[in-house]
Amino acid sequence: MNVLLVYPQFPKSFWSFEKTLALLNRSAMLPPLGLVTVAAILPQDWQFKLVDRNVRQVTEAEWAWTDLVILSAMIVQKEDLLIQIREAKQRNKQVAVGGPYPTALPDEAKMAGADYLILDEGEITLPLFVEAIGNGVTSGIFRAGGERPDVTGTPIPRFDLLEFEAYAEMSVQFSRGCPFQCEFCDIIVLYGRKPRTKNPDQIIAELDRLYELGWRRSIFMVDDNFIGNKRNVKLFLKELLPWMVEHQYPFSFATEASVDLANDQELMDAMVACNFGSVFLGIETPDEESLALTQKYQNTRSSLSEAVERITRTGIRVMAGFIIGFDGEKPGAGARIVQFVEQTSIPTALFSMLQALPDTALWHRLAKEGRLRKESANINQTTLMNFVPTRPLEDIAQEYIEAFWELYEPKRFLDRTYRHYRLLGEATYPKKGKGSSKKVNWVTIRALLTICWRQGVLRSTRWQFWSHLFSMYYHNPGGVSSYLSVCAQIEHFFEYRQIVRDEIEAQVAEFLATEFEPINSDEKMAVI
């Protein structure tokens, strides 16, 4: 069986970083971990090829070679997923789809022509699919029936199928699920509220494989909440540390975690010792009333600004997510988010309007109230809310546009980055030895020169850029390389904030010109 694994394109988004990636000759931030895991679960006597369409196009030779096309996608990849399904069917190929988007809205992939829907978690549903293929079944829907797999049995992903040089970071997963119950979050719908973790030896084996294949850069632990099971995380970090020391710290790590990370100094210290350099926090909003209404109680138990400062001073760079448009939100929410981001000096602040994602508690509540505007959702930053909020949608959109514009004004962004790295410079880091030093090549030198030219000569940031850079060399010389890599992000945001403004303003104008007709909740329930 010849299997072509295809990963659909992402639209230009907050995380796409095209201009920043181009400085280092990279095509995408992260590889499709889901698809290389699928390849590891399927029979190993099958032949596999993988094409990430964020890296390159599928060739006609690859279409001709394959017997079966397997695609996986998140909701944001919806458009290209449906296109690729149709491309495969035009060539008379059997098509199987899975991942978060088909699992949430299976009818859309089915209507596009998919033969097999392999939904929920693949450890359970892929064997059902393989059995059906063996029995000559030419179509079907495979679901887990509410069962959650024990991920300690998940094999090492087929990292060998990836084009390593195309990616800025590698992906590894330690856990699935989150113990919290945020109303708007689909993670607990997809993976449950009981975090399931791999064994430390299992993750070490994955790192061994990446090391063997030659990877020596950053690894993103794609867990939606890395510290959902703190006991198991600490056991893993205890095993990871001697491996990192023995291999002279070949990787740096980044991940996502809940804000209560700040309350566990032992855990933060262990992460820094293992070379975790950054963490993404779901802060959402500084408005405590909105946090309570959306059931994100874990963010109301202590000061959010103090939590960010504790994590930063420990030596972990903070990225954070923010949302505007919660029910009962008071005017000025966008300005309050900007004020919080400036106060806490968070350089990279993901900012979006609230979306009701399929099958979440928020989605069900709004469907019952007759407030859904669209039957699907998109979590891109250029997407208008898909429901009717409790204050005028056009007011929220205007606040969002203005706040996004301010957050990524170049001088403000570079100033936050500088202040953040000054705090990071107060941390104590592990001694990594000479063997861990990064190799400097022409691509790196060219990227540095480009950043210095654009930010230090062409733009009005020139005096600020050089002043901050010299100060960094004095106060935090070990962090200069990482500091400049974050400064480079403004090459993306400088353009992207204009895209956000243009697209949201166009959608608001369209919204105001049409009369809203809420989706009938009975019709909506039929979609799931």
Protein backbone atom coordinates (compact mmCIF):
# COMPACT_ATOMS: atom_id res chain seq x y z
CA MET A 1 0.00 0.00 0.00
CA ASN A 2 1.45 3.35 -1.08
CA VAL A 3 0.21 6.09 1.25
CA LEU A 4 0.56 9.81 0.60
CA LEU A 5 0.23 11.89 3.76
CA VAL A 6 -0.79 15.47 2.95
CA TYR A 7 -0.86 18.37 5.39
CA PRO A 8 -3.00 21.31 4.16
CA GLN A 9 -1.82 24.89 3.98
CA PHE A 10 -2.36 27.38 6.77
CA PRO A 11 -3.62 30.83 5.77
CA LYS A 12 -1.42 33.76 6.68
CA SER A 13 -1.89 34.08 10.43
CA PHE A 14 -0.39 35.29 13.68
CA TRP A 15 1.92 32.26 13.84
CA SER A 16 2.82 31.96 10.16
CA PHE A 17 5.85 34.28 10.41
CA GLU A 18 6.59 34.12 6.67
CA LYS A 19 8.94 37.10 6.59
CA THR A 20 10.70 36.07 9.79
CA LEU A 21 11.14 32.46 8.62
CA ALA A 22 12.47 33.65 5.28
CA LEU A 23 15.43 35.23 7.08
CA LEU A 24 16.57 31.72 8.05
CA ASN A 25 15.52 29.92 4.86
CA ARG A 26 12.73 28.09 6.70
CA SER A 27 9.29 27.43 5.23
CA ALA A 28 7.16 26.67 8.30
CA MET A 29 7.29 26.95 12.07
CA LEU A 30 6.29 23.39 12.97
CA PRO A 31 5.92 20.03 11.18
CA PRO A 32 2.70 17.93 11.12
CA LEU A 33 3.28 15.79 14.22
CA GLY A 34 -0.15 14.22 13.86
CA LEU A 35 0.60 12.80 10.41
CA VAL A 36 4.01 11.37 11.32
CA THR A 37 2.34 9.75 14.34
CA VAL A 38 -0.35 8.31 12.04
CA ALA A 39 2.43 6.88 9.85
CA ALA A 40 3.93 5.19 12.92
CA ILE A 41 0.61 3.60 13.95
CA LEU A 42 -0.26 2.27 10.48
CA PRO A 43 1.29 -1.02 9.24
CA GLN A 44 5.01 -0.55 8.73
CA ASP A 45 5.07 -2.68 5.60
CA TRP A 46 3.08 0.11 3.91
CA GLN A 47 5.10 2.71 1.99
CA PHE A 48 4.78 6.36 3.05
CA LYS A 49 5.49 9.75 1.56
CA LEU A 50 4.64 13.01 3.31
CA VAL A 51 3.98 16.39 1.74
CA ASP A 52 3.48 19.43 3.95
CA ARG A 53 1.85 21.98 1.67
CA ASN A 54 3.22 24.74 3.87
CA VAL A 55 6.62 23.63 2.56
CA ARG A 56 5.93 22.56 -1.04
CA GLN A 57 3.26 21.35 -3.47
CA VAL A 58 2.31 17.75 -4.17
CA THR A 59 3.90 16.62 -7.44
CA GLU A 60 2.04 14.77 -10.16
CA ALA A 61 4.48 11.89 -9.69
CA GLU A 62 3.42 11.65 -6.03
CA TRP A 63 -0.28 11.72 -6.96
CA ALA A 64 0.36 8.93 -9.47
CA TRP A 65 2.38 6.86 -6.98
CA THR A 66 -0.17 6.77 -4.19
CA ASP A 67 -2.95 4.26 -3.58
CA LEU A 68 -4.36 6.10 -0.59
CA VAL A 69 -4.28 9.77 0.46
CA ILE A 70 -4.48 10.59 4.17
CA LEU A 71 -5.06 14.18 5.31
CA SER A 72 -5.23 15.74 8.77
CA ALA A 73 -6.24 19.30 9.56
CA MET A 74 -7.19 21.83 12.18
CA ILE A 75 -10.16 24.15 11.64
CA VAL A 76 -7.92 26.96 10.42
CA GLN A 77 -6.77 24.68 7.55
CA LYS A 78 -10.33 23.98 6.43
CA GLU A 79 -10.16 25.65 3.01
CA ASP A 80 -7.09 23.83 1.75
CA LEU A 81 -8.18 20.50 3.26
CA LEU A 82 -11.36 20.54 1.20
CA ILE A 83 -9.39 21.54 -1.91
CA GLN A 84 -6.94 18.66 -1.46
CA ILE A 85 -9.75 16.16 -0.95
CA ARG A 86 -11.21 17.23 -4.29
CA GLU A 87 -7.77 17.14 -5.96
CA ALA A 88 -7.30 13.55 -4.84
CA LYS A 89 -10.79 12.48 -5.90
CA GLN A 90 -10.27 14.01 -9.36
CA ARG A 91 -7.38 11.57 -9.70
CA ASN A 92 -9.59 8.68 -8.53
CA LYS A 93 -7.68 8.19 -5.27
CA GLN A 94 -9.13 6.81 -2.06
CA VAL A 95 -9.12 9.56 0.59
CA ALA A 96 -9.05 9.28 4.37
CA VAL A 97 -9.21 12.32 6.67
CA GLY A 98 -8.82 12.90 10.38
CA GLY A 99 -7.68 15.45 12.93
CA PRO A 100 -9.45 18.14 14.98
CA TYR A 101 -11.42 19.74 12.14
CA PRO A 102 -12.96 16.57 10.63
CA THR A 103 -13.61 15.27 14.14
CA ALA A 104 -15.56 18.43 15.02
CA LEU A 105 -17.38 18.82 11.67
CA PRO A 106 -17.21 15.47 9.82
CA ASP A 107 -19.99 16.26 7.34
CA GLU A 108 -17.91 18.96 5.63
CA ALA A 109 -15.07 16.57 4.75
CA LYS A 110 -17.55 13.89 3.74
CA MET A 111 -19.39 16.26 1.39
CA ALA A 112 -16.06 17.20 -0.22
CA GLY A 113 -15.60 13.55 -1.19
CA ALA A 114 -13.61 11.88 1.61
CA ASP A 115 -14.10 8.10 1.59
CA TYR A 116 -12.95 7.40 5.14
CA LEU A 117 -13.40 9.57 8.23
CA ILE A 118 -10.88 8.46 10.86
CA LEU A 119 -12.05 10.60 13.76
CA ASP A 120 -11.14 11.10 17.41
CA GLU A 121 -7.74 9.74 18.53
CA GLY A 122 -5.89 7.58 16.04
CA GLU A 123 -4.54 5.01 18.48
CA ILE A 124 -8.11 3.68 18.65
CA THR A 125 -9.59 4.50 15.26
CA LEU A 126 -6.65 3.80 12.93
CA PRO A 127 -6.62 0.03 13.74
CA LEU A 128 -10.36 -0.03 12.94
CA PHE A 129 -9.59 1.65 9.62
CA VAL A 130 -6.77 -0.80 8.81
CA GLU A 131 -9.06 -3.74 9.55
CA ALA A 132 -11.75 -2.29 7.28
CA ILE A 133 -9.21 -1.77 4.46
CA GLY A 134 -8.09 -5.37 4.88
CA ASN A 135 -11.68 -6.53 4.52
CA GLY A 136 -12.12 -4.59 1.29
CA VAL A 137 -14.34 -1.87 2.77
CA THR A 138 -14.19 1.20 0.48
CA SER A 139 -15.70 3.83 2.80
CA GLY A 140 -16.64 4.33 6.41
CA ILE A 141 -16.60 6.42 9.58
CA PHE A 142 -14.42 5.27 12.45
CA ARG A 143 -15.00 6.69 15.93
CA ALA A 144 -13.70 5.92 19.40
CA GLY A 145 -17.10 5.93 21.08
CA GLY A 146 -15.88 8.09 23.95
CA GLU A 147 -12.85 5.93 24.69
CA ARG A 148 -9.51 7.67 25.33
CA PRO A 149 -6.32 5.79 24.44
CA ASP A 150 -3.46 5.14 26.82
CA VAL A 151 -0.72 7.16 25.12
CA THR A 152 2.00 5.06 26.74
CA GLY A 153 1.42 2.70 23.81
CA THR A 154 1.87 5.36 21.12
CA PRO A 155 4.89 4.53 18.92
CA ILE A 156 7.74 6.89 18.08
CA PRO A 157 6.53 9.18 15.28
CA ARG A 158 8.02 8.69 11.83
CA PHE A 159 10.22 11.78 12.05
CA ASP A 160 12.24 10.40 9.14
CA LEU A 161 9.43 11.40 6.76
CA LEU A 162 9.96 15.12 7.48
CA GLU A 163 12.07 17.61 5.56
CA PHE A 164 13.99 18.87 8.61
CA GLU A 165 15.54 21.93 7.01
CA ALA A 166 12.09 23.33 6.21
CA TYR A 167 11.12 23.84 9.86
CA ALA A 168 12.08 26.37 12.51
CA GLU A 169 11.13 23.99 15.33
CA MET A 170 10.36 20.31 15.81
CA SER A 171 7.21 18.94 17.51
CA VAL A 172 6.96 16.37 20.31
CA GLN A 173 3.95 15.54 22.47
CA PHE A 174 4.13 14.50 26.13
CA SER A 175 0.47 14.67 27.16
CA ARG A 176 -3.10 15.06 25.95
CA GLY A 177 -6.02 16.62 27.77
CA CYS A 178 -6.41 19.43 30.30
CA PRO A 179 -7.89 19.35 33.83
CA PHE A 180 -9.68 22.69 33.48
CA GLN A 181 -13.08 23.47 31.95
CA CYS A 182 -12.82 26.77 30.07
CA GLU A 183 -16.16 27.27 28.30
CA PHE A 184 -14.66 28.28 24.93
CA CYS A 185 -11.96 25.58 24.71
CA ASP A 186 -12.26 22.56 22.42
CA ILE A 187 -9.25 20.72 23.87
CA ILE A 188 -11.33 19.12 26.61
CA VAL A 189 -13.90 18.15 23.95
CA LEU A 190 -11.26 16.48 21.78
CA TYR A 191 -8.99 14.99 24.45
CA GLY A 192 -10.85 15.07 27.77
CA ARG A 193 -10.18 16.61 31.17
CA LYS A 194 -7.93 13.87 32.51
CA PRO A 195 -4.41 14.52 31.21
CA ARG A 196 -2.80 11.36 29.83
CA THR A 197 0.98 11.37 29.64
CA LYS A 198 3.65 9.29 27.99
CA ASN A 199 6.30 7.57 30.08
CA PRO A 200 9.62 9.40 30.54
CA ASP A 201 11.47 6.58 28.72
CA GLN A 202 9.04 6.92 25.83
CA ILE A 203 9.77 10.63 25.35
CA ILE A 204 13.50 10.08 25.79
CA ALA A 205 13.29 7.50 22.99
CA GLU A 206 11.64 10.12 20.74
CA LEU A 207 14.42 12.60 21.57
CA ASP A 208 17.00 9.90 20.87
CA ARG A 209 15.44 9.39 17.45
CA LEU A 210 15.50 13.11 16.66
CA TYR A 211 19.11 13.31 17.83
CA GLU A 212 20.00 10.31 15.66
CA LEU A 213 18.39 11.99 12.64
CA GLY A 214 20.49 15.11 13.21
CA TRP A 215 18.03 17.57 14.74
CA ARG A 216 19.84 20.15 16.93
CA ARG A 217 17.40 23.03 17.28
CA SER A 218 14.32 23.95 19.26
CA ILE A 219 11.56 21.46 20.10
CA PHE A 220 8.01 22.55 20.85
CA MET A 221 6.16 20.32 23.31
CA VAL A 222 2.76 20.66 21.67
CA ASP A 223 0.79 19.71 24.79
CA ASP A 224 -2.14 22.05 25.27
CA ASN A 225 -1.23 22.14 28.96
CA PHE A 226 2.20 20.68 29.61
CA ILE A 227 1.68 20.84 33.39
CA GLY A 228 -1.82 19.31 33.43
CA ASN A 229 -0.34 16.39 35.39
CA LYS A 230 2.40 18.04 37.45
CA ARG A 231 3.53 14.82 39.11
CA ASN A 232 4.24 13.11 35.81
CA VAL A 233 5.88 16.22 34.34
CA LYS A 234 8.32 16.35 37.24
CA LEU A 235 9.13 12.66 36.81
CA PHE A 236 9.81 13.30 33.12
CA LEU A 237 12.02 16.33 33.78
CA LYS A 238 13.99 14.30 36.35
CA GLU A 239 14.80 11.79 33.58
CA LEU A 240 15.34 14.45 30.93
CA LEU A 241 18.01 16.40 32.81
CA PRO A 242 20.76 13.74 32.77
CA TRP A 243 19.99 13.02 29.10
CA MET A 244 20.42 16.71 28.26
CA VAL A 245 23.68 16.90 30.21
CA GLU A 246 25.03 13.73 28.59
CA HIS A 247 24.17 15.00 25.10
CA GLN A 248 25.43 18.54 25.86
CA TYR A 249 22.04 20.23 25.59
CA PRO A 250 21.30 19.59 21.90
CA PHE A 251 17.78 21.02 22.12
CA SER A 252 15.94 23.94 23.64
CA PHE A 253 12.28 23.47 24.50
CA ALA A 254 9.11 25.54 24.37
CA THR A 255 5.59 24.56 25.42
CA GLU A 256 2.13 25.68 26.56
CA ALA A 257 0.99 25.72 30.19
CA SER A 258 -1.65 27.11 32.49
CA VAL A 259 -0.83 30.21 34.55
CA ASP A 260 -0.60 28.20 37.77
CA LEU A 261 2.89 27.20 36.60
CA ALA A 262 3.97 30.35 38.45
CA ASN A 263 2.91 28.79 41.76
CA ASP A 264 5.36 25.88 41.49
CA GLN A 265 8.93 27.15 41.71
CA GLU A 266 10.33 23.61 41.83
CA LEU A 267 8.69 22.83 38.50
CA MET A 268 9.85 26.07 36.87
CA ASP A 269 13.42 25.51 38.07
CA ALA A 270 13.37 21.98 36.67
CA MET A 271 12.15 23.27 33.31
CA VAL A 272 14.92 25.86 33.13
CA ALA A 273 17.51 23.24 34.10
CA CYS A 274 16.29 21.12 31.16
CA ASN A 275 16.61 24.10 28.76
CA PHE A 276 12.94 25.10 28.48
CA GLY A 277 13.26 28.61 27.12
CA SER A 278 9.67 29.76 26.59
CA VAL A 279 6.09 29.00 27.53
CA PHE A 280 2.75 30.06 26.06
CA LEU A 281 0.15 31.05 28.68
CA GLY A 282 -3.59 31.33 28.08
CA ILE A 283 -4.19 34.58 29.98
CA GLU A 284 -7.19 35.58 27.79
CA THR A 285 -8.11 38.83 29.60
CA PRO A 286 -7.21 40.82 32.71
CA ASP A 287 -10.97 41.24 33.38
CA GLU A 288 -11.73 38.90 36.28
CA GLU A 289 -15.49 38.96 35.61
CA SER A 290 -14.96 37.63 32.08
CA LEU A 291 -12.58 34.93 33.33
CA ALA A 292 -15.16 33.75 35.87
CA LEU A 293 -17.99 33.79 33.32
CA THR A 294 -16.00 31.64 30.88
CA GLN A 295 -15.06 29.29 33.76
CA LYS A 296 -11.34 30.01 33.56
CA TYR A 297 -11.15 30.09 37.34
CA GLN A 298 -7.49 29.09 37.45
CA ASN A 299 -6.67 32.60 36.21
CA THR A 300 -8.58 34.32 39.03
CA ARG A 301 -6.81 32.79 42.03
CA SER A 302 -3.77 35.06 42.05
CA SER A 303 -2.35 38.10 40.31
CA LEU A 304 -1.82 37.45 36.60
CA SER A 305 0.84 40.14 36.30
CA GLU A 306 2.78 38.72 39.25
CA ALA A 307 2.54 35.24 37.72
CA VAL A 308 4.07 36.48 34.45
CA GLU A 309 6.86 38.21 36.35
CA ARG A 310 7.68 35.10 38.45
CA ILE A 311 7.89 32.89 35.38
CA THR A 312 10.04 35.42 33.53
CA ARG A 313 12.44 35.99 36.43
CA THR A 314 12.89 32.22 36.65
CA GLY A 315 14.28 32.30 33.11
CA ILE A 316 11.33 31.29 30.91
CA ARG A 317 10.22 33.70 28.18
CA VAL A 318 6.47 34.24 28.29
CA MET A 319 4.20 34.26 25.25
CA ALA A 320 0.50 34.69 25.95
CA GLY A 321 -2.94 34.49 24.38
CA PHE A 322 -5.63 37.16 24.78
CA ILE A 323 -9.28 37.24 23.71
CA ILE A 324 -11.83 40.02 23.32
CA GLY A 325 -15.60 39.58 23.12
CA PHE A 326 -16.67 37.68 26.25
CA ASP A 327 -20.28 38.04 27.38
CA GLY A 328 -20.81 40.93 29.78
CA GLU A 329 -17.50 42.51 28.79
CA LYS A 330 -17.29 46.23 29.54
CA PRO A 331 -16.20 48.74 26.86
CA GLY A 332 -12.45 49.31 26.67
CA ALA A 333 -11.49 45.64 26.88
CA GLY A 334 -8.99 46.03 24.05
CA ALA A 335 -7.23 48.94 25.76
CA ARG A 336 -7.10 47.00 29.04
CA ILE A 337 -5.41 44.08 27.27
CA VAL A 338 -2.83 46.43 25.72
CA GLN A 339 -2.22 47.97 29.14
CA PHE A 340 -1.70 44.52 30.69
CA VAL A 341 0.69 43.40 27.93
CA GLU A 342 2.72 46.61 28.30
CA GLN A 343 2.75 46.33 32.10
CA THR A 344 4.01 42.72 31.99
CA SER A 345 6.40 43.29 29.04
CA ILE A 346 5.13 40.25 27.14
CA PRO A 347 6.65 40.53 23.65
CA THR A 348 4.51 38.00 21.75
CA ALA A 349 0.82 38.45 22.59
CA LEU A 350 -1.59 36.36 20.51
CA PHE A 351 -4.76 38.43 20.27
CA SER A 352 -8.06 37.25 18.77
CA MET A 353 -11.77 37.82 18.89
CA LEU A 354 -13.70 35.12 20.70
CA GLN A 355 -14.96 32.22 18.56
CA ALA A 356 -17.55 29.61 19.51
CA LEU A 357 -15.77 26.43 18.42
CA PRO A 358 -17.92 23.41 17.47
CA ASP A 359 -19.19 21.24 20.31
CA THR A 360 -17.69 23.39 23.09
CA ALA A 361 -19.76 24.41 26.09
CA LEU A 362 -19.83 27.96 24.71
CA TRP A 363 -21.04 26.75 21.33
CA HIS A 364 -23.87 24.70 22.87
CA ARG A 365 -24.95 27.62 25.08
CA LEU A 366 -25.01 30.10 22.22
CA ALA A 367 -26.84 27.66 19.92
CA LYS A 368 -29.50 27.23 22.61
CA GLU A 369 -29.77 31.02 22.94
CA GLY A 370 -30.05 31.45 19.15
CA ARG A 371 -26.94 33.62 18.97
CA LEU A 372 -24.74 31.69 16.50
CA ARG A 373 -24.06 33.59 13.27
CA LYS A 374 -22.24 30.74 11.50
CA GLU A 375 -22.28 26.98 11.88
CA SER A 376 -18.50 26.71 11.87
CA ALA A 377 -15.69 28.75 13.37
CA ASN A 378 -12.18 29.88 12.54
CA ILE A 379 -9.57 30.81 15.11
CA ASN A 380 -7.55 33.00 12.76
CA GLN A 381 -6.90 36.61 13.81
CA THR A 382 -8.60 37.93 10.68
CA THR A 383 -11.95 36.32 11.47
CA LEU A 384 -14.97 38.15 12.84
CA MET A 385 -16.81 36.56 15.78
CA ASN A 386 -19.20 33.80 14.70
CA PHE A 387 -21.89 34.70 17.22
CA VAL A 388 -23.80 37.75 18.46
CA PRO A 389 -22.03 39.19 21.53
CA THR A 390 -23.64 41.10 24.40
CA ARG A 391 -22.30 44.43 23.16
CA PRO A 392 -22.24 45.69 19.57
CA LEU A 393 -20.05 43.51 17.37
CA GLU A 394 -18.75 46.53 15.48
CA ASP A 395 -17.57 48.11 18.76
CA ILE A 396 -15.67 44.97 19.75
CA ALA A 397 -14.13 44.74 16.28
CA GLN A 398 -12.97 48.37 16.40
CA GLU A 399 -11.38 47.87 19.83
CA TYR A 400 -9.72 44.72 18.53
CA ILE A 401 -8.27 46.44 15.47
CA GLU A 402 -6.94 49.37 17.51
CA ALA A 403 -5.43 47.10 20.18
CA PHE A 404 -3.76 44.80 17.65
CA TRP A 405 -2.34 47.84 15.86
CA GLU A 406 -0.91 49.21 19.12
CA LEU A 407 0.51 45.89 20.29
CA TYR A 408 2.56 45.51 17.12
CA GLU A 409 3.65 49.08 16.61
CA PRO A 410 7.39 48.43 16.07
CA LYS A 411 8.73 50.71 18.80
CA ARG A 412 6.35 49.31 21.42
CA PHE A 413 7.08 45.73 20.43
CA LEU A 414 10.85 46.20 20.53
CA ASP A 415 10.61 47.99 23.87
CA ARG A 416 8.58 45.15 25.42
CA THR A 417 11.03 42.61 24.05
CA TYR A 418 13.97 44.50 25.56
CA ARG A 419 12.30 44.84 28.97
CA HIS A 420 11.34 41.17 28.95
CA TYR A 421 14.88 40.03 28.19
CA ARG A 422 16.31 42.27 30.88
CA LEU A 423 14.15 40.34 33.36
CA LEU A 424 15.23 37.04 31.82
CA GLY A 425 18.82 38.14 32.36
CA GLU A 426 18.29 37.97 36.13
CA ALA A 427 17.71 34.21 36.02
CA THR A 428 20.24 31.47 36.77
CA TYR A 429 20.79 29.14 33.82
CA PRO A 430 22.50 25.73 33.67
CA LYS A 431 26.09 25.46 32.50
CA LYS A 432 25.87 23.68 29.16
CA GLY A 433 29.51 23.25 28.20
CA LYS A 434 31.28 24.24 25.00
CA GLY A 435 29.76 21.42 22.97
CA SER A 436 26.32 23.05 23.05
CA SER A 437 27.42 26.26 21.33
CA LYS A 438 25.37 27.05 18.24
CA LYS A 439 27.16 26.94 14.93
CA VAL A 440 27.23 30.24 13.05
CA ASN A 441 26.72 29.97 9.30
CA TRP A 442 26.14 32.38 6.46
CA VAL A 443 22.34 32.12 6.77
CA THR A 444 22.52 33.21 10.42
CA ILE A 445 24.91 36.05 9.62
CA ARG A 446 22.69 37.21 6.74
CA ALA A 447 19.62 37.15 9.01
CA LEU A 448 21.44 39.21 11.63
CA LEU A 449 22.60 41.75 9.07
CA THR A 450 19.07 42.01 7.62
CA ILE A 451 17.55 42.65 11.05
CA CYS A 452 20.20 45.26 11.85
CA TRP A 453 19.66 46.97 8.49
CA ARG A 454 15.87 47.09 8.66
CA GLN A 455 15.42 47.85 12.35
CA GLY A 456 18.67 49.68 13.00
CA VAL A 457 18.98 51.77 9.81
CA LEU A 458 15.86 51.96 7.63
CA ARG A 459 13.13 52.40 10.24
CA SER A 460 12.47 54.99 12.92
CA THR A 461 13.40 52.31 15.48
CA ARG A 462 17.10 52.80 14.65
CA TRP A 463 18.22 54.59 17.83
CA GLN A 464 16.08 52.38 20.04
CA PHE A 465 17.37 49.22 18.35
CA TRP A 466 21.06 49.99 18.83
CA SER A 467 20.64 51.34 22.35
CA HIS A 468 18.77 48.21 23.44
CA LEU A 469 21.18 45.88 21.67
CA PHE A 470 24.28 47.38 23.34
CA SER A 471 22.51 47.31 26.70
CA MET A 472 21.63 43.64 26.16
CA TYR A 473 25.28 42.81 25.45
CA TYR A 474 26.15 44.42 28.77
CA HIS A 475 23.34 43.10 30.99
CA ASN A 476 22.34 39.78 29.39
CA PRO A 477 25.02 38.71 26.85
CA GLY A 478 23.89 35.07 26.93
CA GLY A 479 20.41 36.06 25.79
CA VAL A 480 21.38 38.24 22.81
CA SER A 481 20.82 35.54 20.18
CA SER A 482 17.35 34.69 21.51
CA TYR A 483 16.57 38.38 21.97
CA LEU A 484 17.33 39.15 18.33
CA SER A 485 15.23 36.19 17.17
CA VAL A 486 12.22 37.68 18.96
CA CYS A 487 13.01 41.16 17.61
CA ALA A 488 12.84 39.55 14.16
CA GLN A 489 9.15 38.74 14.72
CA ILE A 490 8.24 42.35 14.01
CA GLU A 491 9.14 41.67 10.36
CA HIS A 492 5.98 39.56 10.30
CA PHE A 493 3.76 41.66 12.54
CA PHE A 494 4.63 44.94 10.78
CA GLU A 495 2.75 43.65 7.74
CA TYR A 496 0.25 41.39 9.51
CA ARG A 497 -1.35 44.13 11.60
CA GLN A 498 -2.37 45.88 8.37
CA ILE A 499 -3.89 42.62 7.11
CA VAL A 500 -5.86 42.30 10.36
CA ARG A 501 -7.16 45.87 10.04
CA ASP A 502 -8.17 45.52 6.39
CA GLU A 503 -9.88 42.14 6.66
CA ILE A 504 -11.76 42.83 9.90
CA GLU A 505 -12.99 46.22 8.66
CA ALA A 506 -14.25 44.56 5.47
CA GLN A 507 -16.10 41.88 7.43
CA VAL A 508 -17.66 44.46 9.75
CA ALA A 509 -18.93 46.42 6.75
CA GLU A 510 -20.44 43.24 5.31
CA PHE A 511 -21.99 42.35 8.67
CA LEU A 512 -23.60 45.77 9.04
CA ALA A 513 -24.99 45.56 5.51
CA THR A 514 -26.79 42.25 6.12
CA GLU A 515 -29.47 41.23 8.55
CA PHE A 516 -28.43 38.58 11.06
CA GLU A 517 -30.37 35.34 10.98
CA PRO A 518 -29.47 33.04 13.91
CA ILE A 519 -28.85 29.39 13.13
CA ASN A 520 -31.64 27.12 14.30
CA SER A 521 -30.21 25.05 17.16
CA ASP A 522 -31.93 21.87 15.91
CA GLU A 523 -30.35 22.30 12.48
CA LYS A 524 -26.99 22.95 14.10
CA MET A 525 -27.15 19.86 16.25
CA ALA A 526 -27.56 17.80 13.11
CA VAL A 527 -24.16 18.95 11.87
CA ILE A 528 -22.26 17.36 14.75
